[in-house]
Amino acid sequence: MKASECFQKRLLRRTKPDPLKVTKALEMAEIKKQRAQDLFENDFFEESIVSSYTSMFQAARALLFHDGVIEKSHACVVTYLREHYSSTLGQDKN
């Protein structure tokens, strides 16, 4: 599915960019990342995977909030990121 289809099906919706939501999503991503590390270090591997996924998802949502997009589908988040950020995903700004 393409991002345009996600918008047509309202699985992604346009709104105003929201800096506060960006900040909150990034804060949650950091909290969940730390939680995942703690769980992993204490041999709670399955729980660590869930926290890791949540961390990545919140980071992805921050990008969408920055762009003025709201998601209703995890799959459409991936599609949107591939179409709009594929040239920079995984690259360090430094």
Protein backbone atom coordinates (compact mmCIF):
# COMPACT_ATOMS: atom_id res chain seq x y z
CA MET A 1 0.00 0.00 0.00
CA LYS A 2 1.21 3.52 -0.76
CA ALA A 3 0.95 6.48 1.59
CA SER A 4 -1.60 8.06 -0.75
CA GLU A 5 -3.84 5.02 -0.22
CA CYS A 6 -3.38 5.30 3.54
CA PHE A 7 -4.59 8.91 3.33
CA GLN A 8 -7.54 7.91 1.13
CA LYS A 9 -8.55 5.22 3.63
CA ARG A 10 -8.01 7.72 6.50
CA LEU A 11 -5.40 5.49 8.09
CA LEU A 12 -3.20 8.59 7.89
CA ARG A 13 -4.71 12.05 8.25
CA ARG A 14 -3.35 15.55 7.70
CA THR A 15 -3.40 18.04 10.56
CA LYS A 16 -1.26 20.93 11.76
CA PRO A 17 2.32 20.12 12.76
CA ASP A 18 2.39 19.84 16.56
CA PRO A 19 5.74 20.60 18.26
CA LEU A 20 4.37 19.66 21.70
CA LYS A 21 3.33 16.20 20.46
CA VAL A 22 6.75 15.83 18.82
CA THR A 23 8.43 16.53 22.16
CA LYS A 24 6.12 14.21 24.12
CA ALA A 25 6.56 11.37 21.61
CA LEU A 26 10.36 11.72 21.75
CA GLU A 27 10.28 11.75 25.56
CA MET A 28 8.20 8.56 25.55
CA ALA A 29 10.54 6.98 23.00
CA GLU A 30 13.49 7.65 25.31
CA ILE A 31 11.66 6.29 28.37
CA LYS A 32 10.69 3.10 26.52
CA LYS A 33 14.21 2.69 25.13
CA GLN A 34 15.68 2.86 28.64
CA ARG A 35 13.01 0.46 29.89
CA ALA A 36 13.86 -1.97 27.09
CA GLN A 37 17.54 -1.84 28.06
CA ASP A 38 16.73 -2.47 31.73
CA LEU A 39 14.46 -5.39 30.87
CA PHE A 40 17.05 -6.91 28.55
CA GLU A 41 19.80 -6.63 31.18
CA ASN A 42 17.53 -8.51 33.59
CA ASP A 43 16.76 -11.29 31.09
CA PHE A 44 13.18 -10.21 30.35
CA PHE A 45 13.71 -10.58 26.63
CA GLU A 46 10.11 -10.69 25.40
CA GLU A 47 9.17 -7.64 27.45
CA SER A 48 12.29 -5.89 26.16
CA ILE A 49 11.12 -6.46 22.59
CA VAL A 50 7.75 -4.85 23.33
CA SER A 51 9.38 -1.80 24.92
CA SER A 52 11.84 -1.54 22.02
CA TYR A 53 9.02 -1.60 19.49
CA THR A 54 7.11 1.03 21.45
CA SER A 55 10.21 3.22 21.55
CA MET A 56 10.67 3.00 17.79
CA PHE A 57 6.99 3.60 17.15
CA GLN A 58 6.98 6.73 19.33
CA ALA A 59 10.05 8.05 17.50
CA ALA A 60 8.25 7.44 14.20
CA ARG A 61 5.15 9.22 15.49
CA ALA A 62 7.32 12.22 16.36
CA LEU A 63 8.27 12.51 12.68
CA LEU A 64 4.63 12.30 11.67
CA PHE A 65 3.59 14.94 14.23
CA HIS A 66 6.39 17.14 12.88
CA ASP A 67 4.92 16.74 9.39
CA GLY A 68 1.33 17.27 10.54
CA VAL A 69 0.20 13.66 10.13
CA ILE A 70 -1.85 11.49 12.50
CA GLU A 71 -1.73 7.71 12.18
CA LYS A 72 -4.35 5.00 12.64
CA SER A 73 -2.21 2.17 11.25
CA HIS A 74 1.25 0.99 12.22
CA ALA A 75 1.77 -0.35 8.70
CA CYS A 76 0.93 3.03 7.21
CA VAL A 77 3.49 4.68 9.50
CA VAL A 78 6.17 2.45 7.96
CA THR A 79 4.89 3.22 4.46
CA TYR A 80 4.89 6.97 5.14
CA LEU A 81 8.43 6.88 6.54
CA ARG A 82 9.71 4.88 3.58
CA GLU A 83 8.19 7.31 1.11
CA HIS A 84 9.17 10.52 2.90
CA TYR A 85 12.37 9.69 4.78
CA SER A 86 14.02 6.77 2.97
CA SER A 87 17.03 8.87 1.96
CA THR A 88 17.77 9.85 5.57
CA LEU A 89 16.51 6.96 7.73
CA GLY A 90 19.33 5.36 9.65
CA GLN A 91 21.74 8.20 8.98
CA ASP A 92 23.32 10.11 11.83
CA LYS A 93 23.18 13.90 11.46
CA ASN A 94 26.71 14.27 12.90
